[in-house]
Amino acid sequence: MPRRGAAGDAGRMVIQERLGRWAAPRNLQFAFGLFALVAGASIALRQDAQHPLFQAAGAVGYALAAMLSFGSWFALGRAAGAARARRTLIVFHLLFIPAQFLFLLAHQLPWLGMLLSTVIAIRLRPRFPRLGRRSRKVWLALHIGVGVGWLGVSLTMLALSVVGVTAGDHETRHGAYLLMDLFDLALAIPSVFLALVTGAVVSLGTPWGLVRHRWVLAKLVIALCLPVLATLEGPWIDELAARTEEPAADPGGTGILLAGAMALFLALLWTATFLSVFKPGGRTRWGAGRPGEGRPGDRAPVSARAARAA
């Protein structure tokens, strides 16, 4: 029995070692480069894209990502350039994850790209410097401002979705969905991108982290769910805007689904707002054992008192 157990442990160690080598950042980056080539070509060649601007952005973005990926793959294999390539890739993937969300308006392949970018960013084991007091306030102000604006946009889109379902005349119904389409492209989508970027900077640049506290982890889950919900709402808005061009057309079940999705979207945003204010739940298991890290604003007064005492 002991020999069988030892053999089993040895077999698992061999498998883990092989998986570790296969999932090394350099190999994953090469795979991402191949994916970027395929995704960029697929987006560029698509004939029925409803948003040509995002189609062009996706094709160009993945072409540049492929160039960066293959160049970084080469640099990671050389001791002289490995550290710089690693830092470059960390920043690139953290920014490219929300950027690929925008490319979803042109194709569904970016879902796989976001997954690959997330895995690569984790495997690179990034370490982030703490933001200074002034920088933290600037980023926090940006995050709060974007969040407030996003709440306003979501409330307006919910009202328009209700108007589209309940309006009795064709002009009002069709106009409501046209406005929703405009708000979605010009305001809602940029708000998603900016909220994810500013939220990640505030979390990673302060002792809060992304997974150390339950309320931050809950906000992270909400932040990941909102883009998924947004990808459902966009096609519904496009469909209803086209359908209601006919005076006799009715929004039907799609209009009700859209109004319900907008209500859920707004409820999730308000949940994230309350989590930010009340900060419930304490620490997660990943944040346990860090008793010296209090709230981001707790350290400065202690340091000032210590300096005066000295």
Protein backbone atom coordinates (compact mmCIF):
# COMPACT_ATOMS: atom_id res chain seq x y z
CA MET A 1 0.00 0.00 0.00
CA PRO A 2 2.71 2.57 0.79
CA ARG A 3 4.37 1.80 -2.56
CA ARG A 4 1.11 2.39 -4.42
CA GLY A 5 0.60 5.65 -2.57
CA ALA A 6 4.14 6.77 -3.35
CA ALA A 7 3.69 5.84 -7.00
CA GLY A 8 0.43 7.78 -7.14
CA ASP A 9 2.04 10.85 -5.59
CA ALA A 10 4.92 10.63 -8.03
CA GLY A 11 2.50 10.36 -10.95
CA ARG A 12 0.56 13.41 -9.77
CA MET A 13 3.80 15.36 -9.38
CA VAL A 14 4.83 14.48 -12.94
CA ILE A 15 1.43 15.58 -14.28
CA GLN A 16 1.54 18.82 -12.30
CA GLU A 17 5.07 19.52 -13.53
CA ARG A 18 4.03 18.98 -17.15
CA LEU A 19 0.95 21.15 -16.74
CA GLY A 20 3.08 23.83 -15.10
CA ARG A 21 5.45 23.84 -18.04
CA TRP A 22 2.60 23.95 -20.56
CA ALA A 23 0.89 26.78 -18.67
CA ALA A 24 4.08 28.82 -18.29
CA PRO A 25 3.50 32.50 -19.13
CA ARG A 26 5.77 32.30 -22.19
CA ASN A 27 3.80 29.41 -23.72
CA LEU A 28 0.47 31.01 -22.85
CA GLN A 29 1.59 34.25 -24.47
CA PHE A 30 2.49 32.42 -27.68
CA ALA A 31 -0.96 30.80 -27.63
CA PHE A 32 -2.54 34.22 -27.12
CA GLY A 33 -0.61 35.53 -30.13
CA LEU A 34 -2.06 32.75 -32.30
CA PHE A 35 -5.52 33.44 -30.90
CA ALA A 36 -5.15 37.16 -31.61
CA LEU A 37 -4.32 36.43 -35.26
CA VAL A 38 -7.39 34.23 -35.66
CA ALA A 39 -9.68 36.59 -33.75
CA GLY A 40 -8.49 39.68 -35.63
CA ALA A 41 -8.97 37.98 -39.00
CA SER A 42 -12.41 36.65 -38.00
CA ILE A 43 -13.56 40.08 -36.89
CA ALA A 44 -12.16 41.83 -39.97
CA LEU A 45 -13.78 39.34 -42.40
CA ARG A 46 -17.20 39.33 -40.78
CA GLN A 47 -19.78 40.66 -43.21
CA ASP A 48 -22.81 41.23 -40.96
CA ALA A 49 -21.23 43.26 -38.15
CA GLN A 50 -23.74 45.75 -36.75
CA HIS A 51 -21.10 48.11 -35.36
CA PRO A 52 -18.37 48.82 -37.95
CA LEU A 53 -16.46 51.06 -35.54
CA PHE A 54 -16.00 48.28 -32.99
CA GLN A 55 -15.31 45.81 -35.80
CA ALA A 56 -12.41 47.98 -36.98
CA ALA A 57 -11.20 48.48 -33.40
CA GLY A 58 -11.27 44.73 -32.77
CA ALA A 59 -9.37 43.89 -35.97
CA VAL A 60 -6.68 46.50 -35.30
CA GLY A 61 -6.53 45.74 -31.58
CA TYR A 62 -5.95 42.02 -32.07
CA ALA A 63 -3.39 42.67 -34.81
CA LEU A 64 -1.38 44.84 -32.44
CA ALA A 65 -1.89 42.29 -29.65
CA ALA A 66 -0.48 39.53 -31.87
CA MET A 67 2.62 41.61 -32.62
CA LEU A 68 3.14 42.36 -28.93
CA SER A 69 2.53 38.72 -27.97
CA PHE A 70 5.12 37.25 -30.33
CA GLY A 71 7.64 39.94 -29.45
CA SER A 72 7.09 39.29 -25.72
CA TRP A 73 7.32 35.54 -26.28
CA PHE A 74 10.78 36.08 -27.76
CA ALA A 75 11.79 38.50 -24.96
CA LEU A 76 10.63 36.16 -22.20
CA GLY A 77 13.08 33.56 -23.47
CA ARG A 78 16.01 35.88 -22.95
CA ALA A 79 17.28 36.75 -19.49
CA ALA A 80 18.11 40.33 -20.47
CA GLY A 81 14.58 41.27 -21.52
CA ALA A 82 12.40 38.92 -19.48
CA ALA A 83 11.72 41.28 -16.56
CA ARG A 84 10.74 44.19 -18.81
CA ALA A 85 8.57 41.96 -21.00
CA ARG A 86 6.81 40.62 -17.91
CA ARG A 87 5.97 44.13 -16.67
CA THR A 88 4.76 45.13 -20.12
CA LEU A 89 2.52 42.07 -20.40
CA ILE A 90 0.98 42.62 -16.97
CA VAL A 91 -0.08 46.16 -17.89
CA PHE A 92 -1.18 45.08 -21.37
CA HIS A 93 -3.45 42.25 -20.27
CA LEU A 94 -5.02 44.21 -17.42
CA LEU A 95 -5.97 46.93 -19.92
CA PHE A 96 -6.82 44.54 -22.76
CA ILE A 97 -9.36 42.57 -20.71
CA PRO A 98 -11.90 45.42 -20.60
CA ALA A 99 -10.94 46.47 -24.14
CA GLN A 100 -11.93 43.03 -25.42
CA PHE A 101 -15.33 43.53 -23.85
CA LEU A 102 -15.85 46.32 -26.41
CA PHE A 103 -14.85 43.95 -29.21
CA LEU A 104 -17.79 41.71 -28.26
CA LEU A 105 -19.98 44.14 -30.19
CA ALA A 106 -18.33 42.82 -33.35
CA HIS A 107 -17.77 39.10 -32.55
CA GLN A 108 -18.09 36.50 -29.78
CA LEU A 109 -14.45 35.34 -29.91
CA PRO A 110 -13.30 38.00 -27.40
CA TRP A 111 -14.91 35.92 -24.62
CA LEU A 112 -12.05 33.42 -25.11
CA GLY A 113 -9.58 36.28 -25.33
CA MET A 114 -10.71 37.72 -21.99
CA LEU A 115 -10.32 34.28 -20.41
CA LEU A 116 -6.81 33.86 -21.82
CA SER A 117 -5.78 37.36 -20.73
CA THR A 118 -7.05 36.68 -17.21
CA VAL A 119 -5.13 33.39 -16.95
CA ILE A 120 -1.94 34.98 -18.29
CA ALA A 121 -2.21 37.94 -15.91
CA ILE A 122 -2.61 35.55 -12.97
CA ARG A 123 0.30 33.37 -14.10
CA LEU A 124 2.54 36.45 -14.35
CA ARG A 125 1.91 37.05 -10.61
CA PRO A 126 1.76 40.82 -10.74
CA ARG A 127 2.78 42.95 -7.79
CA PHE A 128 1.42 46.45 -7.71
CA PRO A 129 3.00 49.47 -6.00
CA ARG A 130 0.84 51.31 -3.49
CA LEU A 131 -0.72 54.54 -4.70
CA GLY A 132 0.36 57.71 -2.96
CA ARG A 133 -2.18 59.74 -1.01
CA ARG A 134 -2.81 62.21 -3.83
CA SER A 135 -2.88 59.56 -6.57
CA ARG A 136 -5.30 57.44 -4.55
CA LYS A 137 -7.67 60.38 -4.15
CA VAL A 138 -7.53 61.17 -7.87
CA TRP A 139 -8.26 57.58 -8.92
CA LEU A 140 -10.96 57.24 -6.26
CA ALA A 141 -12.62 60.46 -7.44
CA LEU A 142 -12.55 59.17 -11.03
CA HIS A 143 -14.04 55.83 -9.97
CA ILE A 144 -16.83 57.49 -7.97
CA GLY A 145 -17.59 59.96 -10.76
CA VAL A 146 -17.79 57.21 -13.39
CA GLY A 147 -19.97 55.11 -11.08
CA VAL A 148 -22.40 57.97 -10.46
CA GLY A 149 -22.62 58.66 -14.18
CA TRP A 150 -23.18 54.96 -14.89
CA LEU A 151 -26.05 54.90 -12.40
CA GLY A 152 -27.66 57.86 -14.17
CA VAL A 153 -27.25 56.27 -17.59
CA SER A 154 -28.74 52.97 -16.36
CA LEU A 155 -31.72 54.72 -14.77
CA THR A 156 -32.37 56.63 -17.99
CA MET A 157 -32.15 53.46 -20.08
CA LEU A 158 -34.54 51.67 -17.73
CA ALA A 159 -37.03 54.53 -18.12
CA LEU A 160 -36.68 54.40 -21.92
CA SER A 161 -37.18 50.62 -21.96
CA VAL A 162 -40.41 51.04 -19.98
CA VAL A 163 -41.55 53.80 -22.36
CA GLY A 164 -40.85 51.53 -25.31
CA VAL A 165 -43.08 48.80 -23.88
CA THR A 166 -45.92 51.01 -22.66
CA ALA A 167 -46.08 53.82 -25.25
CA GLY A 168 -49.25 53.90 -27.32
CA ASP A 169 -47.91 55.67 -30.41
CA HIS A 170 -45.31 54.54 -32.89
CA GLU A 171 -43.08 57.65 -32.80
CA THR A 172 -42.58 57.52 -29.04
CA ARG A 173 -41.95 53.76 -29.00
CA HIS A 174 -39.46 53.83 -31.85
CA GLY A 175 -37.76 56.97 -30.55
CA ALA A 176 -37.26 55.37 -27.12
CA TYR A 177 -35.33 52.44 -28.59
CA LEU A 178 -33.28 54.71 -30.85
CA LEU A 179 -32.26 56.75 -27.80
CA MET A 180 -31.42 53.56 -25.92
CA ASP A 181 -29.16 52.48 -28.76
CA LEU A 182 -27.41 55.88 -28.69
CA PHE A 183 -27.02 55.78 -24.89
CA ASP A 184 -25.70 52.22 -25.05
CA LEU A 185 -22.94 53.01 -27.54
CA ALA A 186 -21.99 56.53 -26.45
CA LEU A 187 -22.37 56.33 -22.66
CA ALA A 188 -23.02 52.86 -21.21
CA ILE A 189 -20.18 51.01 -22.95
CA PRO A 190 -17.50 53.63 -22.12
CA SER A 191 -18.81 53.67 -18.53
CA VAL A 192 -18.29 49.91 -18.23
CA PHE A 193 -14.72 50.22 -19.52
CA LEU A 194 -13.79 53.18 -17.28
CA ALA A 195 -15.44 51.68 -14.20
CA LEU A 196 -13.50 48.43 -14.58
CA VAL A 197 -10.18 50.20 -15.14
CA THR A 198 -10.52 52.75 -12.32
CA GLY A 199 -11.90 50.14 -9.93
CA ALA A 200 -8.98 47.79 -10.62
CA VAL A 201 -6.45 50.59 -10.05
CA VAL A 202 -8.07 51.65 -6.77
CA SER A 203 -8.25 48.06 -5.52
CA LEU A 204 -4.80 46.91 -6.59
CA GLY A 205 -3.08 50.15 -5.62
CA THR A 206 -4.38 50.13 -2.02
CA PRO A 207 -4.41 47.55 0.81
CA TRP A 208 -8.01 46.66 -0.10
CA GLY A 209 -6.89 44.37 -2.92
CA LEU A 210 -9.31 42.50 -5.17
CA VAL A 211 -9.96 39.36 -3.11
CA ARG A 212 -8.86 40.22 0.46
CA HIS A 213 -12.21 41.63 1.61
CA ARG A 214 -15.63 40.11 1.03
CA TRP A 215 -17.27 43.36 -0.06
CA VAL A 216 -14.54 44.02 -2.66
CA LEU A 217 -14.80 40.43 -3.92
CA ALA A 218 -18.59 40.83 -4.18
CA LYS A 219 -18.11 44.04 -6.19
CA LEU A 220 -15.67 42.19 -8.45
CA VAL A 221 -18.26 39.47 -9.12
CA ILE A 222 -20.85 42.15 -9.91
CA ALA A 223 -18.39 43.94 -12.19
CA LEU A 224 -17.83 40.70 -14.13
CA CYS A 225 -21.57 39.98 -14.37
CA LEU A 226 -22.53 43.42 -15.70
CA PRO A 227 -20.64 43.09 -19.03
CA VAL A 228 -22.23 39.68 -19.57
CA LEU A 229 -25.67 41.21 -19.01
CA ALA A 230 -24.76 44.11 -21.29
CA THR A 231 -23.95 41.72 -24.16
CA LEU A 232 -27.53 40.43 -23.93
CA GLU A 233 -29.09 43.89 -23.82
CA GLY A 234 -27.26 45.26 -26.87
CA PRO A 235 -28.75 42.86 -29.46
CA TRP A 236 -32.21 43.28 -27.92
CA ILE A 237 -31.98 47.06 -28.29
CA ASP A 238 -30.85 46.72 -31.91
CA GLU A 239 -33.66 44.28 -32.65
CA LEU A 240 -36.33 46.49 -31.08
CA ALA A 241 -35.05 49.63 -32.79
CA ALA A 242 -35.30 47.87 -36.17
CA ARG A 243 -38.63 46.17 -35.41
CA THR A 244 -40.43 49.31 -34.25
CA GLU A 245 -39.71 51.11 -37.53
CA GLU A 246 -43.00 49.57 -38.64
CA PRO A 247 -45.95 51.53 -37.19
CA ALA A 248 -47.90 48.37 -36.37
CA ALA A 249 -44.97 46.54 -34.75
CA ASP A 250 -45.09 45.67 -31.07
CA PRO A 251 -42.05 45.17 -28.77
CA GLY A 252 -43.60 41.95 -27.47
CA GLY A 253 -41.67 39.66 -25.16
CA THR A 254 -38.29 41.09 -26.17
CA GLY A 255 -39.35 44.52 -24.91
CA ILE A 256 -40.38 43.04 -21.56
CA LEU A 257 -37.12 41.08 -21.32
CA LEU A 258 -35.15 44.25 -22.03
CA ALA A 259 -36.98 46.22 -19.34
CA GLY A 260 -36.39 43.41 -16.84
CA ALA A 261 -32.69 43.22 -17.75
CA MET A 262 -32.31 46.98 -17.31
CA ALA A 263 -34.00 46.77 -13.90
CA LEU A 264 -31.60 43.98 -12.88
CA PHE A 265 -28.66 45.99 -14.21
CA LEU A 266 -29.65 49.01 -12.12
CA ALA A 267 -30.23 46.84 -9.03
CA LEU A 268 -26.72 45.37 -9.36
CA LEU A 269 -25.21 48.85 -9.65
CA TRP A 270 -27.03 49.99 -6.51
CA THR A 271 -25.86 46.83 -4.73
CA ALA A 272 -22.27 47.69 -5.62
CA THR A 273 -22.85 51.23 -4.34
CA PHE A 274 -24.13 50.00 -0.97
CA LEU A 275 -21.21 47.57 -0.71
CA SER A 276 -18.79 50.47 -1.23
CA VAL A 277 -20.45 52.53 1.51
CA PHE A 278 -21.07 49.90 4.21
CA LYS A 279 -18.18 47.49 3.44
CA PRO A 280 -19.76 44.40 5.05
CA GLY A 281 -18.38 40.91 5.55
CA GLY A 282 -14.85 41.34 6.85
CA ARG A 283 -11.88 39.55 5.28
CA THR A 284 -11.79 36.55 3.00
CA ARG A 285 -9.43 33.61 3.53
CA TRP A 286 -7.02 35.27 1.07
CA GLY A 287 -6.98 38.39 3.22
CA ALA A 288 -6.58 36.59 6.53
CA GLY A 289 -3.22 36.81 8.22
CA ARG A 290 -2.65 40.41 7.18
CA PRO A 291 -3.52 42.17 10.41
CA GLY A 292 -1.10 45.01 9.76
CA GLU A 293 -3.01 46.17 6.71
CA GLY A 294 -5.90 48.28 7.80
CA ARG A 295 -8.03 50.54 5.71
CA PRO A 296 -6.15 52.63 3.16
CA GLY A 297 -6.75 55.79 5.14
CA ASP A 298 -5.73 54.34 8.49
CA ARG A 299 -1.97 54.28 8.03
CA ALA A 300 -1.18 57.94 7.47
CA PRO A 301 -2.39 59.29 10.86
CA VAL A 302 -0.42 56.58 12.70
CA SER A 303 2.71 57.41 10.74
CA ALA A 304 2.25 61.11 11.42
CA ARG A 305 1.89 60.56 15.17
CA ALA A 306 4.98 58.35 15.15
CA ALA A 307 6.94 61.03 13.32
CA ARG A 308 5.89 63.70 15.81
CA ALA A 309 6.77 61.42 18.72
CA ALA A 310 10.22 60.81 17.25
